[in-house]
Structure formats: structure tokens, C-alpha cells
């Protein structure tokens, strides 16, 4: 059985994640503070760690840093309410394999758990996504359009990552909302269009195509 360590001090969220993972066939253990999390993870008995940042005792950044200093290679997905670019970059450069912000959809978390487990078992980790002259560095959270380096906000980064992981595929506004924001907006909201326009302004108008009546795609 695949064992997942859930490090979360908010009982409601920990129970939600644990219930979903167990229903999907995983064996789970919950740690509610950083000291316990480090002790559990350091045993080497887990295949993946889901790690909150704001924890009693050692915070998540400290747990992550100490695990990597101890040469523990267990995949770590950070699941946190913090969504600033600075925190995200610090976490990824500190050794996190992925970063998700709350609120979140369990389906997306499950997909990322499975992806990280496959990556750890069989494949070298992909750190740069590319499509033509457009690239996105998943570690530094920066994009390049031709010779230009482009700084992105946290939401712009997740939106561009979504497009780059599905090149040529038409993504509906509902799919984008679910993946990037994690919960349903007012159906009349134009938030997706606003962020697509922001990406076009930074990367070039030709980078994201509008497919009328369907959504958007990366050509």
C-alpha cells in the first residue's frame, strides 16, 4: 500500500484529505504539528508527504529544509493558504515538489499526488515546461517568451502551467476556474478572461487562442 503523510493542524482539512485519499486506496497518517511531522517523515516509511506551512512547533518550511538536509527524497506537496510568489518560490527552491493553495479541489490534489508518485518511481522530474519559444520554469516560477524573462503572479503562473500541460487542447472556462481557483465563481464572472488578457499582455497576444463558444487553448 502507498503511504501518505498528511501534515495539517486544521482538523477539518486533515479529515477531508484523509477521507479522500483512503477512498482512493492510500494508507494515511496525520500529523498536526511540525515536530511530529519531521519525526514521522524521517523514518522513511512514507511514499509522499502533504505538508502545510503554518504549523505549531516547526513550521512547514523548517520541516522541508531539514528533510532535504537529511537527504530525504520523499516527494513533498505543499498545501497551504499562502499564495504569495515569495512563499511559493521559497518552498519550491527549498525542496518542495509541488505547491497548492487553499481552497482547493480534492480531484486536483489527488491528480498531483498520483503524478508525484509516478515521477518518483519511474521518471526524472520535469522542471521546465515548453511549447515553441514559450517556457515555464516550475522551480523559479518564471516564464520566458523568446529571449524575454517574464515575472508572473501566482494565479498567472498556475494558469500558464495549465495551458502548457495541455498544449493544443481547448480548455473551457469551467475547467480553468476549477483548476486555477479551486472553487466556483459566479457563472457571469469574467475572471478567466481577465487573466487570459493579462497573460497575453505579458507573453504576446498570439500565445493564447480564443476558441469561440468553447474556451481557450495554447496553439
Foldseek 3Di string as FASTA:
>chain_A
DAEEEEEAQPVVVSVVLCVVVVVVPYHYDYHQALVVVLVVVVVVPHQEYEAEADGPDHGRLVSLLVCVVVVNLRAYEYEYQDFFLVVQLSVLLSRHPYYHHPPADSVVVVVVVVVSSCCVVPHPDDQWFDDVQWIAGNNNRWIGQNNDIFHDGSLLSQLVVVQSVPAPDFDAPVNSCCRRVVDDDDPPDPVVVVSLVVCCVGRNVLQKDADPPGHIHGD
